[in-house]
Amino acid sequence: MTWFARDDYGTPIPALEPSTVQTVSIGAASTATSSAVGSTTRIVRVVADVACYIQVASSPTASTSTTYLPANVIEYLRVKEGTDKVAVMHDANTGTLNVTEMV
């Protein structure tokens, strides 16, 4: 069994290194990251400054029926190496989504 260090709130601290970061403007229409994740990336960290909807796929389109991401909540998502992108659209307000590849 592997034990991870924990922060002051008891939350495990990720044992992954941040790598490439892509920033996507969040608006009324679905917008995807400009390029797919790297060929060795299996996990991405996403966080947005506004509530939004996201989708991960090789040709993603975010909509109100895809995954809801509350504002300022960090999520770690599994992606397919070298092929997946992250798409986003707003819930009500414009903002920014940061997608960080974790290696």
N, C-alpha and C. Protein backbone atom coordinates (compact mmCIF):
# COMPACT_ATOMS: atom_id res chain seq x y z
N MET A 1 0.84 -1.17 0.00
CA MET A 1 0.00 0.00 0.00
C MET A 1 0.89 1.24 0.00
N THR A 2 0.51 2.24 -0.80
CA THR A 2 1.25 3.50 -0.86
C THR A 2 0.59 4.53 0.03
N TRP A 3 1.40 5.26 0.79
CA TRP A 3 0.89 6.32 1.66
C TRP A 3 1.37 7.65 1.12
N PHE A 4 0.44 8.58 0.98
CA PHE A 4 0.77 9.91 0.50
C PHE A 4 0.83 10.88 1.67
N ALA A 5 1.68 11.89 1.53
CA ALA A 5 1.68 12.97 2.52
C ALA A 5 0.33 13.65 2.48
N ARG A 6 -0.09 14.23 3.60
CA ARG A 6 -1.39 14.90 3.67
C ARG A 6 -1.21 16.34 4.09
N ASP A 7 -2.11 17.21 3.60
CA ASP A 7 -2.04 18.61 3.98
C ASP A 7 -2.72 18.82 5.34
N ASP A 8 -2.84 20.07 5.77
CA ASP A 8 -3.41 20.38 7.08
C ASP A 8 -4.87 19.97 7.22
N TYR A 9 -5.55 19.70 6.09
CA TYR A 9 -6.96 19.31 6.11
C TYR A 9 -7.14 17.80 5.94
N GLY A 10 -6.03 17.07 5.91
CA GLY A 10 -6.10 15.62 5.75
C GLY A 10 -6.22 15.16 4.31
N THR A 11 -6.13 16.09 3.35
CA THR A 11 -6.24 15.75 1.94
C THR A 11 -4.88 15.26 1.42
N PRO A 12 -4.87 14.11 0.70
CA PRO A 12 -3.60 13.64 0.15
C PRO A 12 -2.97 14.66 -0.80
N ILE A 13 -1.67 14.81 -0.73
CA ILE A 13 -0.94 15.71 -1.61
C ILE A 13 -0.54 14.90 -2.85
N PRO A 14 -0.89 15.39 -4.05
CA PRO A 14 -0.60 14.63 -5.26
C PRO A 14 0.89 14.35 -5.43
N ALA A 15 1.20 13.17 -5.89
CA ALA A 15 2.59 12.77 -6.12
C ALA A 15 2.88 12.83 -7.63
N LEU A 16 2.47 13.91 -8.24
CA LEU A 16 2.68 14.12 -9.66
C LEU A 16 3.34 15.48 -9.86
N GLU A 17 4.09 15.62 -10.95
CA GLU A 17 4.77 16.88 -11.23
C GLU A 17 3.99 17.68 -12.28
N PRO A 18 3.70 18.96 -12.00
CA PRO A 18 3.05 19.79 -13.01
C PRO A 18 3.96 19.96 -14.22
N SER A 19 3.36 19.99 -15.38
CA SER A 19 4.11 20.13 -16.62
C SER A 19 3.46 21.23 -17.47
N THR A 20 3.16 20.94 -18.71
CA THR A 20 2.59 21.91 -19.64
C THR A 20 1.24 22.43 -19.14
N VAL A 21 1.06 23.75 -19.27
CA VAL A 21 -0.20 24.39 -18.88
C VAL A 21 -0.84 25.03 -20.10
N GLN A 22 -2.14 24.78 -20.28
CA GLN A 22 -2.91 25.46 -21.32
C GLN A 22 -4.02 26.24 -20.63
N THR A 23 -4.25 27.46 -21.10
CA THR A 23 -5.31 28.31 -20.57
C THR A 23 -6.36 28.50 -21.66
N VAL A 24 -7.63 28.32 -21.27
CA VAL A 24 -8.73 28.43 -22.22
C VAL A 24 -9.71 29.48 -21.71
N SER A 25 -10.11 30.40 -22.58
CA SER A 25 -11.13 31.38 -22.22
C SER A 25 -12.49 30.68 -22.19
N ILE A 26 -13.25 30.96 -21.14
CA ILE A 26 -14.57 30.35 -20.96
C ILE A 26 -15.63 31.33 -21.43
N GLY A 27 -16.46 30.90 -22.37
CA GLY A 27 -17.53 31.74 -22.88
C GLY A 27 -18.78 30.93 -23.12
N ALA A 28 -19.72 31.50 -23.86
CA ALA A 28 -21.01 30.86 -24.11
C ALA A 28 -20.89 29.67 -25.06
N ALA A 29 -19.87 29.66 -25.92
CA ALA A 29 -19.66 28.55 -26.85
C ALA A 29 -18.54 27.65 -26.34
N SER A 30 -18.61 26.39 -26.68
CA SER A 30 -17.58 25.44 -26.29
C SER A 30 -16.25 25.80 -26.96
N THR A 31 -15.19 25.81 -26.16
CA THR A 31 -13.84 26.07 -26.66
C THR A 31 -12.91 25.02 -26.07
N ALA A 32 -12.05 24.44 -26.90
CA ALA A 32 -11.15 23.39 -26.43
C ALA A 32 -9.71 23.90 -26.33
N THR A 33 -8.90 23.16 -25.58
CA THR A 33 -7.48 23.46 -25.53
C THR A 33 -6.94 23.43 -26.95
N SER A 34 -5.90 24.21 -27.21
CA SER A 34 -5.39 24.33 -28.57
C SER A 34 -4.68 23.07 -29.05
N SER A 35 -4.13 22.29 -28.13
CA SER A 35 -3.47 21.06 -28.54
C SER A 35 -3.80 19.93 -27.57
N ALA A 36 -3.61 18.73 -28.05
CA ALA A 36 -3.85 17.54 -27.23
C ALA A 36 -2.78 17.44 -26.14
N VAL A 37 -3.07 16.68 -25.11
CA VAL A 37 -2.10 16.45 -24.05
C VAL A 37 -0.89 15.71 -24.61
N GLY A 38 0.21 15.75 -23.90
CA GLY A 38 1.43 15.10 -24.34
C GLY A 38 1.32 13.59 -24.41
N SER A 39 2.27 12.99 -25.09
CA SER A 39 2.23 11.54 -25.33
C SER A 39 2.46 10.71 -24.07
N THR A 40 2.92 11.33 -22.99
CA THR A 40 3.11 10.60 -21.73
C THR A 40 2.17 11.08 -20.63
N THR A 41 1.25 11.99 -20.96
CA THR A 41 0.34 12.54 -19.95
C THR A 41 -0.88 11.65 -19.81
N ARG A 42 -1.16 11.24 -18.56
CA ARG A 42 -2.35 10.42 -18.28
C ARG A 42 -3.31 11.13 -17.33
N ILE A 43 -2.85 12.20 -16.68
CA ILE A 43 -3.66 12.94 -15.72
C ILE A 43 -3.53 14.43 -16.01
N VAL A 44 -4.66 15.15 -15.97
CA VAL A 44 -4.61 16.60 -16.04
C VAL A 44 -5.30 17.17 -14.80
N ARG A 45 -4.84 18.34 -14.40
CA ARG A 45 -5.44 19.09 -13.30
C ARG A 45 -6.18 20.25 -13.94
N VAL A 46 -7.48 20.38 -13.62
CA VAL A 46 -8.27 21.48 -14.17
C VAL A 46 -8.83 22.32 -13.03
N VAL A 47 -8.87 23.63 -13.25
CA VAL A 47 -9.49 24.56 -12.31
C VAL A 47 -9.94 25.78 -13.11
N ALA A 48 -11.15 26.27 -12.79
CA ALA A 48 -11.70 27.43 -13.47
C ALA A 48 -12.08 28.49 -12.45
N ASP A 49 -12.04 29.75 -12.86
CA ASP A 49 -12.40 30.82 -11.94
C ASP A 49 -13.90 31.13 -11.94
N VAL A 50 -14.65 30.43 -12.80
CA VAL A 50 -16.11 30.53 -12.82
C VAL A 50 -16.69 29.13 -12.98
N ALA A 51 -17.94 28.94 -12.60
CA ALA A 51 -18.61 27.66 -12.81
C ALA A 51 -18.72 27.41 -14.31
N CYS A 52 -18.49 26.15 -14.72
CA CYS A 52 -18.50 25.84 -16.14
C CYS A 52 -18.79 24.36 -16.37
N TYR A 53 -18.88 24.00 -17.63
CA TYR A 53 -19.05 22.61 -18.05
C TYR A 53 -17.82 22.21 -18.85
N ILE A 54 -17.33 20.99 -18.64
CA ILE A 54 -16.14 20.53 -19.35
C ILE A 54 -16.39 19.17 -19.97
N GLN A 55 -15.60 18.85 -20.98
CA GLN A 55 -15.59 17.52 -21.56
C GLN A 55 -14.17 17.19 -22.00
N VAL A 56 -13.77 15.95 -21.79
CA VAL A 56 -12.46 15.46 -22.21
C VAL A 56 -12.68 14.41 -23.30
N ALA A 57 -12.03 14.61 -24.45
CA ALA A 57 -12.13 13.67 -25.57
C ALA A 57 -11.12 14.12 -26.63
N SER A 58 -10.99 13.34 -27.69
CA SER A 58 -10.08 13.74 -28.77
C SER A 58 -10.65 14.91 -29.56
N SER A 59 -11.96 15.01 -29.66
CA SER A 59 -12.64 16.15 -30.28
C SER A 59 -13.80 16.57 -29.37
N PRO A 60 -13.50 17.18 -28.23
CA PRO A 60 -14.54 17.45 -27.24
C PRO A 60 -15.41 18.65 -27.56
N THR A 61 -16.66 18.59 -27.11
CA THR A 61 -17.57 19.73 -27.16
C THR A 61 -18.29 19.78 -25.82
N ALA A 62 -18.03 20.82 -25.06
CA ALA A 62 -18.68 20.98 -23.76
C ALA A 62 -20.10 21.51 -23.97
N SER A 63 -21.02 21.05 -23.12
CA SER A 63 -22.40 21.51 -23.15
C SER A 63 -22.98 21.37 -21.75
N THR A 64 -24.21 21.81 -21.58
CA THR A 64 -24.84 21.72 -20.26
C THR A 64 -25.13 20.28 -19.86
N SER A 65 -24.91 19.33 -20.75
CA SER A 65 -25.10 17.93 -20.39
C SER A 65 -23.77 17.21 -20.14
N THR A 66 -22.65 17.96 -20.17
CA THR A 66 -21.35 17.36 -19.84
C THR A 66 -21.00 17.68 -18.39
N THR A 67 -19.82 17.34 -17.95
CA THR A 67 -19.42 17.46 -16.55
C THR A 67 -19.41 18.90 -16.07
N TYR A 68 -20.08 19.13 -14.93
CA TYR A 68 -20.13 20.46 -14.31
C TYR A 68 -18.92 20.62 -13.40
N LEU A 69 -18.24 21.75 -13.53
CA LEU A 69 -17.10 22.07 -12.68
C LEU A 69 -17.40 23.37 -11.95
N PRO A 70 -17.59 23.31 -10.62
CA PRO A 70 -17.84 24.54 -9.87
C PRO A 70 -16.62 25.46 -9.91
N ALA A 71 -16.84 26.73 -9.68
CA ALA A 71 -15.75 27.71 -9.66
C ALA A 71 -14.74 27.39 -8.58
N ASN A 72 -13.45 27.55 -8.91
CA ASN A 72 -12.33 27.42 -7.97
C ASN A 72 -12.22 26.04 -7.32
N VAL A 73 -12.70 25.01 -8.01
CA VAL A 73 -12.57 23.63 -7.53
C VAL A 73 -11.54 22.93 -8.41
N ILE A 74 -10.54 22.32 -7.78
CA ILE A 74 -9.50 21.59 -8.52
C ILE A 74 -9.95 20.15 -8.73
N GLU A 75 -9.88 19.70 -9.97
CA GLU A 75 -10.20 18.31 -10.30
C GLU A 75 -9.01 17.70 -11.05
N TYR A 76 -8.79 16.42 -10.82
CA TYR A 76 -7.79 15.66 -11.56
C TYR A 76 -8.54 14.67 -12.42
N LEU A 77 -8.24 14.67 -13.72
CA LEU A 77 -8.97 13.85 -14.67
C LEU A 77 -8.03 12.93 -15.45
N ARG A 78 -8.49 11.73 -15.72
CA ARG A 78 -7.75 10.78 -16.55
C ARG A 78 -7.93 11.17 -18.00
N VAL A 79 -6.85 11.18 -18.78
CA VAL A 79 -6.91 11.49 -20.21
C VAL A 79 -6.17 10.41 -20.99
N LYS A 80 -6.46 10.34 -22.28
CA LYS A 80 -5.76 9.41 -23.16
C LYS A 80 -4.51 10.11 -23.68
N GLU A 81 -3.36 9.47 -23.46
CA GLU A 81 -2.07 10.03 -23.81
C GLU A 81 -2.02 10.46 -25.28
N GLY A 82 -1.60 11.70 -25.50
CA GLY A 82 -1.34 12.19 -26.84
C GLY A 82 -2.55 12.51 -27.70
N THR A 83 -3.77 12.26 -27.22
CA THR A 83 -4.94 12.47 -28.08
C THR A 83 -6.01 13.38 -27.48
N ASP A 84 -6.18 13.37 -26.18
CA ASP A 84 -7.30 14.10 -25.58
C ASP A 84 -7.04 15.60 -25.43
N LYS A 85 -8.14 16.34 -25.56
CA LYS A 85 -8.19 17.78 -25.28
C LYS A 85 -9.27 18.00 -24.23
N VAL A 86 -9.33 19.20 -23.67
CA VAL A 86 -10.37 19.57 -22.72
C VAL A 86 -11.14 20.73 -23.30
N ALA A 87 -12.47 20.58 -23.39
CA ALA A 87 -13.34 21.66 -23.87
C ALA A 87 -14.11 22.22 -22.69
N VAL A 88 -14.49 23.50 -22.80
CA VAL A 88 -15.17 24.18 -21.71
C VAL A 88 -16.19 25.18 -22.27
N MET A 89 -17.27 25.38 -21.53
CA MET A 89 -18.22 26.46 -21.80
C MET A 89 -18.77 26.95 -20.48
N HIS A 90 -19.17 28.21 -20.42
CA HIS A 90 -19.59 28.77 -19.13
C HIS A 90 -20.97 28.32 -18.70
N ASP A 91 -21.21 28.46 -17.40
CA ASP A 91 -22.53 28.24 -16.83
C ASP A 91 -23.32 29.54 -16.91
N ALA A 92 -22.69 30.66 -16.54
CA ALA A 92 -23.36 31.96 -16.60
C ALA A 92 -22.39 33.10 -16.87
N ASN A 93 -21.15 32.98 -16.40
CA ASN A 93 -20.18 34.07 -16.52
C ASN A 93 -18.95 33.63 -17.31
N THR A 94 -18.29 34.59 -17.94
CA THR A 94 -17.05 34.29 -18.65
C THR A 94 -15.90 34.19 -17.65
N GLY A 95 -14.86 33.47 -18.03
CA GLY A 95 -13.72 33.29 -17.14
C GLY A 95 -12.59 32.57 -17.83
N THR A 96 -11.80 31.87 -17.03
CA THR A 96 -10.62 31.17 -17.54
C THR A 96 -10.53 29.78 -16.94
N LEU A 97 -10.20 28.80 -17.77
CA LEU A 97 -9.94 27.43 -17.34
C LEU A 97 -8.45 27.17 -17.51
N ASN A 98 -7.80 26.65 -16.47
CA ASN A 98 -6.40 26.23 -16.56
C ASN A 98 -6.36 24.72 -16.58
N VAL A 99 -5.63 24.18 -17.56
CA VAL A 99 -5.44 22.74 -17.71
C VAL A 99 -3.95 22.47 -17.58
N THR A 100 -3.57 21.74 -16.53
CA THR A 100 -2.17 21.44 -16.28
C THR A 100 -1.93 19.95 -16.47
N GLU A 101 -1.00 19.61 -17.33
CA GLU A 101 -0.63 18.20 -17.50
C GLU A 101 0.21 17.79 -16.29
N MET A 102 -0.10 16.64 -15.72
CA MET A 102 0.61 16.11 -14.56
C MET A 102 1.38 14.87 -15.00
N VAL A 103 2.69 14.88 -14.76
CA VAL A 103 3.52 13.76 -15.21
C VAL A 103 4.27 13.15 -14.03
